[in-house]
């Protein structure tokens, strides 16, 4: 199992990152930008989570212990979940268009997108990333994957609260009504 994990998951994540980077070159100019210190509070944890999932082994033995048996089913279930999560995030990113930003911003002529994946959840990129991290953690089957997912969840929930506040300030009652109708990150639940 080590051979496909070593190449399939990095290929999926690197393809996603390349797509993200290419599309980031054509976005609207921001009119309001999240402070640098705040950005670090979600960027650094995400980097730590990627590190936990990408290194062959950690020096801390308990994190290298398995929570799932070493077999094909966790690997392939994880691969499907990771691919599905990354595709969902890509669909959302594509649908968001030039309004996208990797940090919390309000763009010039910012539009509130409420269709496509944004009609399912208000933060589909976060939903997709969380699903992809769950899949990667399942495929890895080690406790460091669980820790990586917990770090990503904390980071994205923190960023989501910040972003929600700015969207409410920018779009007022329209965003309030949207948030009552559409869950934040988990369809039909949260």
Protein backbone atom coordinates (compact mmCIF):
# COMPACT_ATOMS: atom_id res chain seq x y z
CA UNK A 1 0.00 0.00 0.00
CA UNK A 2 2.92 2.36 0.58
CA UNK A 3 3.68 2.69 -3.15
CA UNK A 4 0.28 4.01 -4.31
CA UNK A 5 -0.12 6.19 -1.20
CA UNK A 6 3.29 7.70 -1.80
CA UNK A 7 2.30 8.84 -5.31
CA UNK A 8 -1.50 8.96 -5.67
CA UNK A 9 -2.21 11.35 -2.81
CA UNK A 10 0.63 13.78 -3.56
CA UNK A 11 -0.49 13.77 -7.21
CA UNK A 12 -4.08 14.62 -6.23
CA UNK A 13 -3.05 17.37 -3.80
CA UNK A 14 -0.41 18.84 -6.15
CA UNK A 15 -2.87 18.90 -9.07
CA UNK A 16 -5.37 20.70 -6.86
CA UNK A 17 -2.70 23.19 -5.69
CA UNK A 18 -1.56 23.89 -9.25
CA UNK A 19 -5.16 24.53 -10.36
CA UNK A 20 -5.64 26.81 -7.33
CA UNK A 21 -2.50 28.77 -8.11
CA UNK A 22 -3.34 29.23 -11.82
CA UNK A 23 -6.82 30.55 -11.04
CA UNK A 24 -5.47 32.84 -8.31
CA UNK A 25 -3.77 34.90 -11.01
CA UNK A 26 -7.11 36.25 -12.28
CA UNK A 27 -9.17 37.62 -9.38
CA UNK A 28 -10.78 40.94 -8.48
CA UNK A 29 -8.84 43.55 -6.55
CA UNK A 30 -9.50 43.39 -2.81
CA UNK A 31 -11.05 46.37 -1.04
CA UNK A 32 -10.63 44.90 2.46
CA UNK A 33 -7.96 42.38 3.49
CA UNK A 34 -7.64 40.17 6.55
CA UNK A 35 -4.76 41.28 8.80
CA UNK A 36 -1.50 39.36 8.41
CA UNK A 37 -1.53 38.02 11.98
CA UNK A 38 -5.02 36.61 11.44
CA UNK A 39 -3.94 34.93 8.20
CA UNK A 40 -1.13 33.19 10.02
CA UNK A 41 -3.67 31.62 12.38
CA UNK A 42 -5.11 29.56 9.52
CA UNK A 43 -2.15 29.29 7.14
CA UNK A 44 0.35 27.91 9.67
CA UNK A 45 -2.02 25.20 10.99
CA UNK A 46 -2.82 24.15 7.40
CA UNK A 47 0.89 23.86 6.66
CA UNK A 48 1.35 21.78 9.81
CA UNK A 49 -1.52 19.49 8.77
CA UNK A 50 -0.01 18.98 5.31
CA UNK A 51 3.32 18.22 6.95
CA UNK A 52 1.75 15.62 9.24
CA UNK A 53 0.19 13.86 6.25
CA UNK A 54 3.16 14.06 3.91
CA UNK A 55 6.19 12.93 5.90
CA UNK A 56 6.93 9.19 5.82
CA UNK A 57 7.14 8.88 9.64
CA UNK A 58 7.21 11.23 12.60
CA UNK A 59 9.61 10.98 15.51
CA UNK A 60 6.64 10.73 17.90
CA UNK A 61 5.72 7.06 17.84
CA UNK A 62 2.13 7.42 19.09
CA UNK A 63 1.22 9.53 16.03
CA UNK A 64 2.61 6.80 13.76
CA UNK A 65 0.36 4.17 15.35
CA UNK A 66 -2.53 2.90 13.24
CA UNK A 67 -6.18 3.55 14.03
CA UNK A 68 -7.28 1.53 10.98
CA UNK A 69 -5.97 -1.85 9.82
CA UNK A 70 -3.37 -1.91 7.06
CA UNK A 71 -5.50 -3.10 4.12
CA UNK A 72 -6.73 -1.99 0.73
CA UNK A 73 -10.21 -0.79 1.74
CA UNK A 74 -9.12 2.24 3.86
CA UNK A 75 -6.73 3.28 1.12
CA UNK A 76 -9.32 3.22 -1.65
CA UNK A 77 -12.13 4.68 0.47
CA UNK A 78 -9.71 7.45 1.41
CA UNK A 79 -8.72 7.97 -2.22
CA UNK A 80 -12.35 8.33 -3.29
CA UNK A 81 -13.12 10.75 -0.44
CA UNK A 82 -10.00 12.81 -1.14
CA UNK A 83 -10.74 13.02 -4.86
CA UNK A 84 -14.39 13.85 -4.18
CA UNK A 85 -13.47 16.56 -1.68
CA UNK A 86 -10.90 18.13 -4.01
CA UNK A 87 -13.36 18.08 -6.92
CA UNK A 88 -16.05 19.68 -4.75
CA UNK A 89 -13.58 22.42 -3.75
CA UNK A 90 -12.60 22.91 -7.41
CA UNK A 91 -16.26 23.15 -8.44
CA UNK A 92 -16.80 25.77 -5.74
CA UNK A 93 -13.64 27.68 -6.70
CA UNK A 94 -14.68 27.69 -10.35
CA UNK A 95 -18.19 28.81 -9.45
CA UNK A 96 -16.87 31.62 -7.25
CA UNK A 97 -14.83 32.98 -10.14
CA UNK A 98 -13.00 36.26 -9.66
CA UNK A 99 -14.53 36.77 -6.20
CA UNK A 100 -12.19 34.11 -4.76
CA UNK A 101 -9.32 34.78 -2.41
CA UNK A 102 -7.16 32.46 -0.36
CA UNK A 103 -7.45 34.83 2.58
CA UNK A 104 -10.50 36.56 3.96
CA UNK A 105 -11.17 39.60 1.79
CA UNK A 106 -13.94 41.69 0.40
CA UNK A 107 -13.36 42.38 -3.29
CA UNK A 108 -14.21 45.46 -5.31
CA UNK A 109 -17.71 44.83 -6.74
CA UNK A 110 -17.91 41.72 -4.58
CA UNK A 111 -20.83 39.48 -5.50
CA UNK A 112 -22.61 37.12 -3.12
CA UNK A 113 -22.62 33.74 -4.85
CA UNK A 114 -25.54 31.54 -3.74
CA UNK A 115 -25.82 29.06 -6.62
CA UNK A 116 -24.11 25.80 -7.58
CA UNK A 117 -22.20 24.38 -4.59
CA UNK A 118 -23.01 27.61 -2.72
CA UNK A 119 -26.65 26.53 -2.80
CA UNK A 120 -25.67 23.38 -0.88
CA UNK A 121 -23.32 24.92 1.71
CA UNK A 122 -22.12 28.48 2.29
CA UNK A 123 -18.46 27.44 2.40
CA UNK A 124 -18.10 24.60 -0.11
CA UNK A 125 -14.36 25.05 -0.48
CA UNK A 126 -13.99 24.34 3.24
CA UNK A 127 -16.39 21.40 2.92
CA UNK A 128 -14.34 19.98 0.06
CA UNK A 129 -11.04 20.47 1.87
CA UNK A 130 -12.36 18.86 5.06
CA UNK A 131 -13.60 15.86 3.07
CA UNK A 132 -10.23 15.61 1.29
CA UNK A 133 -8.37 15.72 4.61
CA UNK A 134 -10.68 13.04 6.04
CA UNK A 135 -9.98 10.87 3.00
CA UNK A 136 -6.25 11.37 3.22
CA UNK A 137 -6.29 10.57 6.94
CA UNK A 138 -8.32 7.39 6.35
CA UNK A 139 -5.95 6.25 3.62
CA UNK A 140 -2.96 6.90 5.85
CA UNK A 141 -4.68 5.12 8.73
CA UNK A 142 -2.37 6.60 11.38
CA UNK A 143 -3.20 8.87 14.32
CA UNK A 144 -1.24 11.73 12.77
CA UNK A 145 -3.95 11.84 10.08
CA UNK A 146 -6.59 12.31 12.77
CA UNK A 147 -4.49 15.08 14.32
CA UNK A 148 -4.04 16.71 10.89
CA UNK A 149 -7.80 16.67 10.31
CA UNK A 150 -8.46 18.17 13.77
CA UNK A 151 -5.97 20.97 13.04
CA UNK A 152 -7.59 21.69 9.66
CA UNK A 153 -11.07 21.66 11.19
CA UNK A 154 -10.02 24.15 13.87
CA UNK A 155 -8.29 26.37 11.33
CA UNK A 156 -11.17 26.43 8.84
CA UNK A 157 -13.83 26.97 11.53
CA UNK A 158 -11.83 29.93 12.81
CA UNK A 159 -11.50 31.34 9.30
CA UNK A 160 -15.20 30.66 8.62
CA UNK A 161 -16.29 32.74 11.64
CA UNK A 162 -14.11 35.63 10.50
CA UNK A 163 -15.42 35.38 6.93
CA UNK A 164 -19.05 35.11 8.08
CA UNK A 165 -18.72 38.36 10.02
CA UNK A 166 -17.39 40.19 6.98
CA UNK A 167 -20.07 38.75 4.67
CA UNK A 168 -22.78 39.88 7.12
CA UNK A 169 -21.26 43.36 7.19
CA UNK A 170 -21.00 43.48 3.40
CA UNK A 171 -24.35 41.95 2.40
CA UNK A 172 -26.54 42.55 5.46
CA UNK A 173 -29.99 40.96 5.47
CA UNK A 174 -29.34 39.18 2.16
CA UNK A 175 -26.54 37.20 3.82
CA UNK A 176 -28.62 36.66 6.97
CA UNK A 177 -31.42 35.12 4.90
CA UNK A 178 -28.90 33.04 2.94
CA UNK A 179 -27.31 31.74 6.17
CA UNK A 180 -30.72 30.75 7.56
CA UNK A 181 -31.48 28.81 4.37
CA UNK A 182 -28.09 27.19 3.61
CA UNK A 183 -25.86 25.42 6.18
CA UNK A 184 -22.26 26.55 6.62
CA UNK A 185 -20.18 23.45 5.82
CA UNK A 186 -22.10 20.19 6.25
CA UNK A 187 -25.18 19.79 4.01
CA UNK A 188 -28.42 19.52 6.02
CA UNK A 189 -26.52 19.75 9.33
CA UNK A 190 -24.06 22.59 10.07
